[in-house]
Amino acid sequence: LIHLTFLHDSGSNNPLGITSSCHKIPFRLYFTLKDSLGFTVRLLLL
């Protein structure tokens, strides 16, 4: 649990804590679209 707290503070791919806004994909939007597409394809195949 303590490990997750420190990992969340610095970020898993950002041990130095430097913030960079370039090349970021919105997490929620990406997975919502991906899951919606997968669900639609699965419904069409049934």
N, C-alpha and C. Protein backbone atom coordinates (compact mmCIF):
# COMPACT_ATOMS: atom_id res chain seq x y z
N LEU A 1 0.83 -1.19 0.00
CA LEU A 1 0.00 0.00 0.00
C LEU A 1 0.87 1.25 0.00
N ILE A 2 1.94 1.23 0.76
CA ILE A 2 2.84 2.39 0.80
C ILE A 2 3.52 2.57 -0.56
N HIS A 3 3.88 1.44 -1.19
CA HIS A 3 4.50 1.49 -2.51
C HIS A 3 3.56 2.19 -3.50
N LEU A 4 2.28 1.87 -3.48
CA LEU A 4 1.33 2.49 -4.40
C LEU A 4 1.19 3.98 -4.15
N THR A 5 1.29 4.39 -2.90
CA THR A 5 1.22 5.81 -2.58
C THR A 5 2.39 6.57 -3.20
N PHE A 6 3.60 6.04 -3.04
CA PHE A 6 4.76 6.70 -3.62
C PHE A 6 4.75 6.63 -5.15
N LEU A 7 4.27 5.52 -5.69
CA LEU A 7 4.19 5.37 -7.13
C LEU A 7 3.20 6.38 -7.71
N HIS A 8 2.09 6.59 -7.03
CA HIS A 8 1.09 7.53 -7.50
C HIS A 8 1.60 8.97 -7.41
N ASP A 9 2.40 9.28 -6.41
CA ASP A 9 2.94 10.64 -6.27
C ASP A 9 3.87 11.00 -7.42
N SER A 10 4.79 10.10 -7.76
CA SER A 10 5.78 10.44 -8.78
C SER A 10 5.35 10.00 -10.17
N GLY A 11 4.50 9.02 -10.29
CA GLY A 11 4.08 8.50 -11.59
C GLY A 11 4.93 7.30 -11.95
N SER A 12 4.32 6.30 -12.56
CA SER A 12 5.04 5.06 -12.83
C SER A 12 6.13 5.23 -13.87
N ASN A 13 5.95 6.10 -14.86
CA ASN A 13 6.95 6.32 -15.90
C ASN A 13 7.68 7.64 -15.71
N ASN A 14 7.55 8.24 -14.55
CA ASN A 14 8.11 9.55 -14.32
C ASN A 14 8.76 9.61 -12.93
N PRO A 15 9.87 8.92 -12.73
CA PRO A 15 10.47 8.89 -11.39
C PRO A 15 11.02 10.24 -10.93
N LEU A 16 11.33 11.13 -11.86
CA LEU A 16 11.87 12.43 -11.48
C LEU A 16 10.78 13.45 -11.16
N GLY A 17 9.54 13.14 -11.52
CA GLY A 17 8.44 14.04 -11.24
C GLY A 17 8.35 15.23 -12.19
N ILE A 18 8.99 15.14 -13.35
CA ILE A 18 8.97 16.23 -14.32
C ILE A 18 7.69 16.11 -15.14
N THR A 19 6.92 17.18 -15.19
CA THR A 19 5.67 17.15 -15.95
C THR A 19 5.93 17.55 -17.39
N SER A 20 5.35 16.83 -18.30
CA SER A 20 5.47 17.11 -19.72
C SER A 20 4.10 16.90 -20.35
N SER A 21 3.66 17.85 -21.15
CA SER A 21 2.32 17.74 -21.73
C SER A 21 2.35 17.28 -23.18
N CYS A 22 3.52 16.99 -23.73
CA CYS A 22 3.57 16.57 -25.12
C CYS A 22 3.34 15.07 -25.24
N HIS A 23 2.69 14.67 -26.31
CA HIS A 23 2.44 13.26 -26.64
C HIS A 23 1.63 12.54 -25.56
N LYS A 24 0.63 13.19 -25.04
CA LYS A 24 -0.24 12.53 -24.07
C LYS A 24 -1.57 12.19 -24.72
N ILE A 25 -2.04 10.98 -24.49
CA ILE A 25 -3.33 10.53 -24.98
C ILE A 25 -4.29 10.55 -23.80
N PRO A 26 -5.44 11.18 -23.94
CA PRO A 26 -6.40 11.16 -22.84
C PRO A 26 -6.81 9.72 -22.51
N PHE A 27 -6.55 9.29 -21.30
CA PHE A 27 -6.76 7.91 -20.88
C PHE A 27 -8.21 7.48 -21.03
N ARG A 28 -9.12 8.26 -20.51
CA ARG A 28 -10.53 7.88 -20.51
C ARG A 28 -11.09 7.82 -21.93
N LEU A 29 -10.79 8.80 -22.75
CA LEU A 29 -11.31 8.84 -24.11
C LEU A 29 -10.80 7.66 -24.92
N TYR A 30 -9.53 7.35 -24.81
CA TYR A 30 -8.94 6.25 -25.58
C TYR A 30 -9.60 4.93 -25.24
N PHE A 31 -9.72 4.61 -23.97
CA PHE A 31 -10.28 3.32 -23.58
C PHE A 31 -11.79 3.26 -23.79
N THR A 32 -12.48 4.38 -23.70
CA THR A 32 -13.91 4.39 -23.98
C THR A 32 -14.16 4.07 -25.45
N LEU A 33 -13.40 4.69 -26.34
CA LEU A 33 -13.56 4.42 -27.77
C LEU A 33 -13.16 2.99 -28.11
N LYS A 34 -12.06 2.52 -27.54
CA LYS A 34 -11.59 1.16 -27.81
C LYS A 34 -12.61 0.13 -27.34
N ASP A 35 -13.14 0.29 -26.15
CA ASP A 35 -14.11 -0.66 -25.62
C ASP A 35 -15.43 -0.58 -26.37
N SER A 36 -15.84 0.61 -26.78
CA SER A 36 -17.07 0.76 -27.55
C SER A 36 -16.95 0.07 -28.91
N LEU A 37 -15.82 0.21 -29.56
CA LEU A 37 -15.60 -0.44 -30.84
C LEU A 37 -15.60 -1.96 -30.67
N GLY A 38 -14.93 -2.46 -29.66
CA GLY A 38 -14.91 -3.90 -29.40
C GLY A 38 -16.29 -4.45 -29.11
N PHE A 39 -17.08 -3.73 -28.35
CA PHE A 39 -18.44 -4.14 -28.02
C PHE A 39 -19.30 -4.18 -29.28
N THR A 40 -19.17 -3.16 -30.14
CA THR A 40 -19.95 -3.09 -31.37
C THR A 40 -19.59 -4.23 -32.31
N VAL A 41 -18.32 -4.50 -32.47
CA VAL A 41 -17.87 -5.60 -33.34
C VAL A 41 -18.38 -6.93 -32.81
N ARG A 42 -18.32 -7.10 -31.52
CA ARG A 42 -18.79 -8.36 -30.91
C ARG A 42 -20.30 -8.54 -31.12
N LEU A 43 -21.06 -7.45 -31.02
CA LEU A 43 -22.51 -7.54 -31.26
C LEU A 43 -22.81 -7.87 -32.72
N LEU A 44 -22.04 -7.29 -33.63
CA LEU A 44 -22.27 -7.54 -35.05
C LEU A 44 -21.94 -8.99 -35.43
N LEU A 45 -20.99 -9.59 -34.74
CA LEU A 45 -20.60 -10.97 -35.05
C LEU A 45 -21.59 -11.99 -34.49
N LEU A 46 -22.40 -11.58 -33.53
CA LEU A 46 -23.38 -12.52 -32.96
C LEU A 46 -24.55 -12.68 -33.83
